[in-house]
Amino acid sequence: MWAGLAFVLNAAEVTEADWSDKDVPSVGPLLGYRIEFNEKWDLSIGGGYGVWLGVDKDVEVLGVKNDTGSPLIDFSIGYSF
């Protein structure tokens, strides 16, 4: 098992009050599991929930309010040198 904190720069595109779009980062906790295949190779699978930073949750576009976060998923294959 492992735990971590993720910071995702390209997390989401949200709408501002003036109908312009902006990209916002996400930050959130992750929990996961690492499987070792041998001394060199491993597989990591994890998930969590990230909050989008700088999102105005009160802005409505066509009656739908901005989301303020999303699930985070980690899937990686590692190799040790």
PDB file of N, CA and C in Angstrom:
ATOM      1  N   MET A   1       0.840  -1.187   0.000  1.00  0.00           N
ATOM      2  CA  MET A   1       0.000   0.000   0.000  1.00  0.00           C
ATOM      3  C   MET A   1       0.877   1.238   0.000  1.00  0.00           C
ATOM      4  N   TRP A   2       0.365   2.307  -0.614  1.00  0.00           N
ATOM      5  CA  TRP A   2       1.047   3.588  -0.578  1.00  0.00           C
ATOM      6  C   TRP A   2       0.017   4.706  -0.495  1.00  0.00           C
ATOM      7  N   ALA A   3       0.440   5.855  -0.041  1.00  0.00           N
ATOM      8  CA  ALA A   3      -0.407   7.043   0.022  1.00  0.00           C
ATOM      9  C   ALA A   3       0.401   8.209  -0.517  1.00  0.00           C
ATOM     10  N   GLY A   4      -0.283   9.163  -1.136  1.00  0.00           N
ATOM     11  CA  GLY A   4       0.415  10.300  -1.700  1.00  0.00           C
ATOM     12  C   GLY A   4      -0.502  11.489  -1.907  1.00  0.00           C
ATOM     13  N   LEU A   5       0.092  12.584  -2.315  1.00  0.00           N
ATOM     14  CA  LEU A   5      -0.635  13.794  -2.636  1.00  0.00           C
ATOM     15  C   LEU A   5      -0.341  14.129  -4.083  1.00  0.00           C
ATOM     16  N   ALA A   6      -1.389  14.262  -4.895  1.00  0.00           N
ATOM     17  CA  ALA A   6      -1.227  14.548  -6.315  1.00  0.00           C
ATOM     18  C   ALA A   6      -1.499  16.016  -6.601  1.00  0.00           C
ATOM     19  N   PHE A   7      -0.704  16.584  -7.495  1.00  0.00           N
ATOM     20  CA  PHE A   7      -0.927  17.931  -8.001  1.00  0.00           C
ATOM     21  C   PHE A   7      -0.923  17.822  -9.516  1.00  0.00           C
ATOM     22  N   VAL A   8      -2.088  18.022 -10.145  1.00  0.00           N
ATOM     23  CA  VAL A   8      -2.266  17.824 -11.583  1.00  0.00           C
ATOM     24  C   VAL A   8      -2.437  19.193 -12.237  1.00  0.00           C
ATOM     25  N   LEU A   9      -1.530  19.552 -13.153  1.00  0.00           N
ATOM     26  CA  LEU A   9      -1.577  20.885 -13.767  1.00  0.00           C
ATOM     27  C   LEU A   9      -2.651  21.015 -14.835  1.00  0.00           C
ATOM     28  N   ASN A  10      -2.932  19.979 -15.594  1.00  0.00           N
ATOM     29  CA  ASN A  10      -3.904  20.048 -16.685  1.00  0.00           C
ATOM     30  C   ASN A  10      -5.224  19.387 -16.294  1.00  0.00           C
ATOM     31  N   ALA A  11      -5.734  19.716 -15.116  1.00  0.00           N
ATOM     32  CA  ALA A  11      -6.876  19.005 -14.554  1.00  0.00           C
ATOM     33  C   ALA A  11      -8.193  19.292 -15.270  1.00  0.00           C
ATOM     34  N   ALA A  12      -8.537  20.567 -15.475  1.00  0.00           N
ATOM     35  CA  ALA A  12      -9.871  20.849 -16.004  1.00  0.00           C
ATOM     36  C   ALA A  12      -9.934  22.219 -16.666  1.00  0.00           C
ATOM     37  N   GLU A  13     -10.936  22.386 -17.479  1.00  0.00           N
ATOM     38  CA  GLU A  13     -11.247  23.681 -18.079  1.00  0.00           C
ATOM     39  C   GLU A  13     -12.611  24.093 -17.549  1.00  0.00           C
ATOM     40  N   VAL A  14     -12.696  25.258 -16.906  1.00  0.00           N
ATOM     41  CA  VAL A  14     -13.939  25.729 -16.309  1.00  0.00           C
ATOM     42  C   VAL A  14     -14.325  27.081 -16.889  1.00  0.00           C
ATOM     43  N   THR A  15     -15.588  27.450 -16.716  1.00  0.00           N
ATOM     44  CA  THR A  15     -16.115  28.701 -17.246  1.00  0.00           C
ATOM     45  C   THR A  15     -16.160  29.757 -16.147  1.00  0.00           C
ATOM     46  N   GLU A  16     -15.703  30.944 -16.483  1.00  0.00           N
ATOM     47  CA  GLU A  16     -15.727  32.076 -15.567  1.00  0.00           C
ATOM     48  C   GLU A  16     -17.061  32.810 -15.670  1.00  0.00           C
ATOM     49  N   ALA A  17     -17.287  33.798 -14.793  1.00  0.00           N
ATOM     50  CA  ALA A  17     -18.530  34.575 -14.783  1.00  0.00           C
ATOM     51  C   ALA A  17     -18.728  35.350 -16.083  1.00  0.00           C
ATOM     52  N   ASP A  18     -17.631  35.728 -16.767  1.00  0.00           N
ATOM     53  CA  ASP A  18     -17.742  36.471 -18.028  1.00  0.00           C
ATOM     54  C   ASP A  18     -17.786  35.537 -19.247  1.00  0.00           C
ATOM     55  N   TRP A  19     -18.065  34.254 -19.033  1.00  0.00           N
ATOM     56  CA  TRP A  19     -18.185  33.209 -20.047  1.00  0.00           C
ATOM     57  C   TRP A  19     -16.857  32.851 -20.704  1.00  0.00           C
ATOM     58  N   SER A  20     -15.746  33.299 -20.132  1.00  0.00           N
ATOM     59  CA  SER A  20     -14.444  32.878 -20.645  1.00  0.00           C
ATOM     60  C   SER A  20     -14.054  31.555 -19.985  1.00  0.00           C
ATOM     61  N   ASP A  21     -13.171  30.829 -20.620  1.00  0.00           N
ATOM     62  CA  ASP A  21     -12.707  29.552 -20.087  1.00  0.00           C
ATOM     63  C   ASP A  21     -11.306  29.704 -19.510  1.00  0.00           C
ATOM     64  N   LYS A  22     -11.008  28.920 -18.476  1.00  0.00           N
ATOM     65  CA  LYS A  22      -9.649  28.896 -17.940  1.00  0.00           C
ATOM     66  C   LYS A  22      -9.310  27.475 -17.510  1.00  0.00           C
ATOM     67  N   ASP A  23      -8.030  27.140 -17.573  1.00  0.00           N
ATOM     68  CA  ASP A  23      -7.539  25.843 -17.106  1.00  0.00           C
ATOM     69  C   ASP A  23      -7.184  25.968 -15.631  1.00  0.00           C
ATOM     70  N   VAL A  24      -7.589  24.995 -14.842  1.00  0.00           N
ATOM     71  CA  VAL A  24      -7.315  25.025 -13.407  1.00  0.00           C
ATOM     72  C   VAL A  24      -6.611  23.736 -12.986  1.00  0.00           C
ATOM     73  N   PRO A  25      -5.691  23.825 -12.025  1.00  0.00           N
ATOM     74  CA  PRO A  25      -5.032  22.622 -11.507  1.00  0.00           C
ATOM     75  C   PRO A  25      -5.897  21.919 -10.477  1.00  0.00           C
ATOM     76  N   SER A  26      -5.507  20.699 -10.165  1.00  0.00           N
ATOM     77  CA  SER A  26      -6.211  19.891  -9.172  1.00  0.00           C
ATOM     78  C   SER A  26      -5.207  19.396  -8.138  1.00  0.00           C
ATOM     79  N   VAL A  27      -5.639  19.306  -6.885  1.00  0.00           N
ATOM     80  CA  VAL A  27      -4.795  18.755  -5.830  1.00  0.00           C
ATOM     81  C   VAL A  27      -5.659  17.840  -4.955  1.00  0.00           C
ATOM     82  N   GLY A  28      -5.102  16.689  -4.573  1.00  0.00           N
ATOM     83  CA  GLY A  28      -5.881  15.772  -3.748  1.00  0.00           C
ATOM     84  C   GLY A  28      -5.088  14.561  -3.305  1.00  0.00           C
ATOM     85  N   PRO A  29      -5.610  13.829  -2.315  1.00  0.00           N
ATOM     86  CA  PRO A  29      -4.941  12.631  -1.801  1.00  0.00           C
ATOM     87  C   PRO A  29      -5.177  11.415  -2.698  1.00  0.00           C
ATOM     88  N   LEU A  30      -4.205  10.508  -2.698  1.00  0.00           N
ATOM     89  CA  LEU A  30      -4.296   9.250  -3.437  1.00  0.00           C
ATOM     90  C   LEU A  30      -3.919   8.096  -2.513  1.00  0.00           C
ATOM     91  N   LEU A  31      -4.573   6.973  -2.716  1.00  0.00           N
ATOM     92  CA  LEU A  31      -4.210   5.715  -2.063  1.00  0.00           C
ATOM     93  C   LEU A  31      -4.030   4.674  -3.147  1.00  0.00           C
ATOM     94  N   GLY A  32      -3.093   3.769  -2.957  1.00  0.00           N
ATOM     95  CA  GLY A  32      -2.884   2.782  -3.997  1.00  0.00           C
ATOM     96  C   GLY A  32      -2.134   1.563  -3.517  1.00  0.00           C
ATOM     97  N   TYR A  33      -1.836   0.708  -4.480  1.00  0.00           N
ATOM     98  CA  TYR A  33      -1.143  -0.542  -4.206  1.00  0.00           C
ATOM     99  C   TYR A  33      -0.067  -0.742  -5.266  1.00  0.00           C
ATOM    100  N   ARG A  34       1.097  -1.194  -4.819  1.00  0.00           N
ATOM    101  CA  ARG A  34       2.202  -1.458  -5.736  1.00  0.00           C
ATOM    102  C   ARG A  34       2.483  -2.950  -5.786  1.00  0.00           C
ATOM    103  N   ILE A  35       2.562  -3.474  -6.984  1.00  0.00           N
ATOM    104  CA  ILE A  35       2.846  -4.895  -7.207  1.00  0.00           C
ATOM    105  C   ILE A  35       4.240  -5.001  -7.819  1.00  0.00           C
ATOM    106  N   GLU A  36       5.122  -5.758  -7.189  1.00  0.00           N
ATOM    107  CA  GLU A  36       6.468  -5.952  -7.714  1.00  0.00           C
ATOM    108  C   GLU A  36       6.507  -7.238  -8.522  1.00  0.00           C
ATOM    109  N   PHE A  37       6.954  -7.139  -9.782  1.00  0.00           N
ATOM    110  CA  PHE A  37       7.078  -8.321 -10.641  1.00  0.00           C
ATOM    111  C   PHE A  37       8.409  -9.027 -10.412  1.00  0.00           C
ATOM    112  N   ASN A  38       9.476  -8.255 -10.288  1.00  0.00           N
ATOM    113  CA  ASN A  38      10.806  -8.770  -9.970  1.00  0.00           C
ATOM    114  C   ASN A  38      11.620  -7.605  -9.397  1.00  0.00           C
ATOM    115  N   GLU A  39      12.944  -7.720  -9.372  1.00  0.00           N
ATOM    116  CA  GLU A  39      13.775  -6.664  -8.786  1.00  0.00           C
ATOM    117  C   GLU A  39      13.705  -5.354  -9.563  1.00  0.00           C
ATOM    118  N   LYS A  40      13.388  -5.396 -10.825  1.00  0.00           N
ATOM    119  CA  LYS A  40      13.433  -4.209 -11.684  1.00  0.00           C
ATOM    120  C   LYS A  40      12.058  -3.617 -12.017  1.00  0.00           C
ATOM    121  N   TRP A  41      11.041  -4.434 -12.201  1.00  0.00           N
ATOM    122  CA  TRP A  41       9.741  -3.978 -12.690  1.00  0.00           C
ATOM    123  C   TRP A  41       8.674  -3.971 -11.599  1.00  0.00           C
ATOM    124  N   ASP A  42       7.809  -2.939 -11.627  1.00  0.00           N
ATOM    125  CA  ASP A  42       6.659  -2.921 -10.718  1.00  0.00           C
ATOM    126  C   ASP A  42       5.483  -2.205 -11.379  1.00  0.00           C
ATOM    127  N   LEU A  43       4.303  -2.441 -10.832  1.00  0.00           N
ATOM    128  CA  LEU A  43       3.066  -1.837 -11.323  1.00  0.00           C
ATOM    129  C   LEU A  43       2.391  -1.139 -10.151  1.00  0.00           C
ATOM    130  N   SER A  44       1.946   0.086 -10.360  1.00  0.00           N
ATOM    131  CA  SER A  44       1.284   0.858  -9.307  1.00  0.00           C
ATOM    132  C   SER A  44      -0.110   1.248  -9.775  1.00  0.00           C
ATOM    133  N   ILE A  45      -1.104   0.983  -8.932  1.00  0.00           N
ATOM    134  CA  ILE A  45      -2.495   1.329  -9.226  1.00  0.00           C
ATOM    135  C   ILE A  45      -3.046   2.082  -8.021  1.00  0.00           C
ATOM    136  N   GLY A  46      -3.661   3.252  -8.269  1.00  0.00           N
ATOM    137  CA  GLY A  46      -4.190   4.030  -7.156  1.00  0.00           C
ATOM    138  C   GLY A  46      -5.314   4.953  -7.577  1.00  0.00           C
ATOM    139  N   GLY A  47      -5.965   5.558  -6.605  1.00  0.00           N
ATOM    140  CA  GLY A  47      -7.053   6.483  -6.890  1.00  0.00           C
ATOM    141  C   GLY A  47      -7.318   7.395  -5.708  1.00  0.00           C
ATOM    142  N   GLY A  48      -8.055   8.467  -5.967  1.00  0.00           N
ATOM    143  CA  GLY A  48      -8.404   9.429  -4.931  1.00  0.00           C
ATOM    144  C   GLY A  48      -9.370  10.465  -5.485  1.00  0.00           C
ATOM    145  N   TYR A  49      -9.425  11.612  -4.831  1.00  0.00           N
ATOM    146  CA  TYR A  49     -10.312  12.687  -5.277  1.00  0.00           C
ATOM    147  C   TYR A  49      -9.556  14.003  -5.223  1.00  0.00           C
ATOM    148  N   GLY A  50      -9.617  14.763  -6.318  1.00  0.00           N
ATOM    149  CA  GLY A  50      -8.914  16.039  -6.386  1.00  0.00           C
ATOM    150  C   GLY A  50      -9.860  17.221  -6.450  1.00  0.00           C
ATOM    151  N   VAL A  51      -9.518  18.266  -5.736  1.00  0.00           N
ATOM    152  CA  VAL A  51     -10.289  19.511  -5.739  1.00  0.00           C
ATOM    153  C   VAL A  51      -9.638  20.462  -6.741  1.00  0.00           C
ATOM    154  N   TRP A  52     -10.451  21.069  -7.614  1.00  0.00           N
ATOM    155  CA  TRP A  52      -9.928  22.029  -8.583  1.00  0.00           C
ATOM    156  C   TRP A  52      -9.697  23.358  -7.889  1.00  0.00           C
ATOM    157  N   LEU A  53      -8.508  23.906  -8.029  1.00  0.00           N
ATOM    158  CA  LEU A  53      -8.143  25.157  -7.372  1.00  0.00           C
ATOM    159  C   LEU A  53      -8.575  26.360  -8.208  1.00  0.00           C
ATOM    160  N   GLY A  54      -9.194  27.331  -7.580  1.00  0.00           N
ATOM    161  CA  GLY A  54      -9.577  28.567  -8.260  1.00  0.00           C
ATOM    162  C   GLY A  54     -10.875  28.493  -9.040  1.00  0.00           C
ATOM    163  N   VAL A  55     -11.756  27.547  -8.723  1.00  0.00           N
ATOM    164  CA  VAL A  55     -13.030  27.408  -9.430  1.00  0.00           C
ATOM    165  C   VAL A  55     -14.118  28.155  -8.670  1.00  0.00           C
ATOM    166  N   ASP A  56     -14.875  28.982  -9.385  1.00  0.00           N
ATOM    167  CA  ASP A  56     -16.014  29.671  -8.781  1.00  0.00           C
ATOM    168  C   ASP A  56     -17.222  28.747  -8.889  1.00  0.00           C
ATOM    169  N   LYS A  57     -17.608  28.119  -7.780  1.00  0.00           N
ATOM    170  CA  LYS A  57     -18.685  27.120  -7.805  1.00  0.00           C
ATOM    171  C   LYS A  57     -20.057  27.740  -8.037  1.00  0.00           C
ATOM    172  N   ASP A  58     -20.185  29.058  -7.895  1.00  0.00           N
ATOM    173  CA  ASP A  58     -21.485  29.719  -8.058  1.00  0.00           C
ATOM    174  C   ASP A  58     -21.801  30.106  -9.498  1.00  0.00           C
ATOM    175  N   VAL A  59     -20.831  29.985 -10.426  1.00  0.00           N
ATOM    176  CA  VAL A  59     -21.060  30.333 -11.833  1.00  0.00           C
ATOM    177  C   VAL A  59     -21.928  29.262 -12.482  1.00  0.00           C
ATOM    178  N   GLU A  60     -23.010  29.701 -13.153  1.00  0.00           N
ATOM    179  CA  GLU A  60     -23.899  28.774 -13.866  1.00  0.00           C
ATOM    180  C   GLU A  60     -23.805  29.004 -15.362  1.00  0.00           C
ATOM    181  N   VAL A  61     -23.734  27.922 -16.109  1.00  0.00           N
ATOM    182  CA  VAL A  61     -23.756  27.970 -17.572  1.00  0.00           C
ATOM    183  C   VAL A  61     -24.935  27.128 -18.021  1.00  0.00           C
ATOM    184  N   LEU A  62     -25.933  27.775 -18.606  1.00  0.00           N
ATOM    185  CA  LEU A  62     -27.150  27.117 -19.062  1.00  0.00           C
ATOM    186  C   LEU A  62     -27.804  26.311 -17.934  1.00  0.00           C
ATOM    187  N   GLY A  63     -27.810  26.865 -16.731  1.00  0.00           N
ATOM    188  CA  GLY A  63     -28.456  26.230 -15.596  1.00  0.00           C
ATOM    189  C   GLY A  63     -27.634  25.180 -14.871  1.00  0.00           C
ATOM    190  N   VAL A  64     -26.375  24.964 -15.295  1.00  0.00           N
ATOM    191  CA  VAL A  64     -25.514  23.969 -14.666  1.00  0.00           C
ATOM    192  C   VAL A  64     -24.362  24.686 -13.972  1.00  0.00           C
ATOM    193  N   LYS A  65     -24.182  24.415 -12.677  1.00  0.00           N
ATOM    194  CA  LYS A  65     -23.088  25.039 -11.924  1.00  0.00           C
ATOM    195  C   LYS A  65     -21.766  24.328 -12.212  1.00  0.00           C
ATOM    196  N   ASN A  66     -20.661  25.069 -12.034  1.00  0.00           N
ATOM    197  CA  ASN A  66     -19.327  24.502 -12.200  1.00  0.00           C
ATOM    198  C   ASN A  66     -19.107  23.357 -11.218  1.00  0.00           C
ATOM    199  N   ASP A  67     -18.462  22.283 -11.679  1.00  0.00           N
ATOM    200  CA  ASP A  67     -17.993  21.242 -10.777  1.00  0.00           C
ATOM    201  C   ASP A  67     -16.796  21.789 -10.009  1.00  0.00           C
ATOM    202  N   THR A  68     -16.518  21.240  -8.854  1.00  0.00           N
ATOM    203  CA  THR A  68     -15.393  21.717  -8.053  1.00  0.00           C
ATOM    204  C   THR A  68     -14.307  20.663  -7.849  1.00  0.00           C
ATOM    205  N   GLY A  69     -14.448  19.502  -8.447  1.00  0.00           N
ATOM    206  CA  GLY A  69     -13.434  18.462  -8.310  1.00  0.00           C
ATOM    207  C   GLY A  69     -13.752  17.262  -9.170  1.00  0.00           C
ATOM    208  N   SER A  70     -12.859  16.272  -9.136  1.00  0.00           N
ATOM    209  CA  SER A  70     -13.050  15.065  -9.934  1.00  0.00           C
ATOM    210  C   SER A  70     -12.199  13.933  -9.366  1.00  0.00           C
ATOM    211  N   PRO A  71     -12.496  12.694  -9.762  1.00  0.00           N
ATOM    212  CA  PRO A  71     -11.677  11.564  -9.322  1.00  0.00           C
ATOM    213  C   PRO A  71     -10.267  11.650  -9.897  1.00  0.00           C
ATOM    214  N   LEU A  72      -9.302  11.137  -9.161  1.00  0.00           N
ATOM    215  CA  LEU A  72      -7.915  11.027  -9.626  1.00  0.00           C
ATOM    216  C   LEU A  72      -7.580   9.547  -9.756  1.00  0.00           C
ATOM    217  N   ILE A  73      -6.916   9.175 -10.839  1.00  0.00           N
ATOM    218  CA  ILE A  73      -6.533   7.783 -11.072  1.00  0.00           C
ATOM    219  C   ILE A  73      -5.045   7.734 -11.408  1.00  0.00           C
ATOM    220  N   ASP A  74      -4.341   6.812 -10.774  1.00  0.00           N
ATOM    221  CA  ASP A  74      -2.918   6.617 -11.051  1.00  0.00           C
ATOM    222  C   ASP A  74      -2.710   5.187 -11.520  1.00  0.00           C
ATOM    223  N   PHE A  75      -2.070   5.060 -12.661  1.00  0.00           N
ATOM    224  CA  PHE A  75      -1.709   3.749 -13.207  1.00  0.00           C
ATOM    225  C   PHE A  75      -0.320   3.911 -13.807  1.00  0.00           C
ATOM    226  N   SER A  76       0.667   3.251 -13.231  1.00  0.00           N
ATOM    227  CA  SER A  76       2.024   3.423 -13.751  1.00  0.00           C
ATOM    228  C   SER A  76       2.801   2.118 -13.690  1.00  0.00           C
ATOM    229  N   ILE A  77       3.701   1.966 -14.648  1.00  0.00           N
ATOM    230  CA  ILE A  77       4.623   0.849 -14.698  1.00  0.00           C
ATOM    231  C   ILE A  77       6.015   1.412 -14.442  1.00  0.00           C
ATOM    232  N   GLY A  78       6.721   0.836 -13.479  1.00  0.00           N
ATOM    233  CA  GLY A  78       8.041   1.359 -13.118  1.00  0.00           C
ATOM    234  C   GLY A  78       9.157   0.382 -13.422  1.00  0.00           C
ATOM    235  N   TYR A  79      10.325   0.962 -13.671  1.00  0.00           N
ATOM    236  CA  TYR A  79      11.537   0.174 -13.910  1.00  0.00           C
ATOM    237  C   TYR A  79      12.681   0.813 -13.122  1.00  0.00           C
ATOM    238  N   SER A  80      13.389   0.031 -12.328  1.00  0.00           N
ATOM    239  CA  SER A  80      14.527   0.522 -11.549  1.00  0.00           C
ATOM    240  C   SER A  80      15.823   0.304 -12.315  1.00  0.00           C
ATOM    241  N   PHE A  81      16.679   1.311 -12.298  1.00  0.00           N
ATOM    242  CA  PHE A  81      17.983   1.209 -12.969  1.00  0.00           C
ATOM    243  C   PHE A  81      19.034   0.710 -12.012  1.00  0.00           C
TER     244      PHE A  81
END
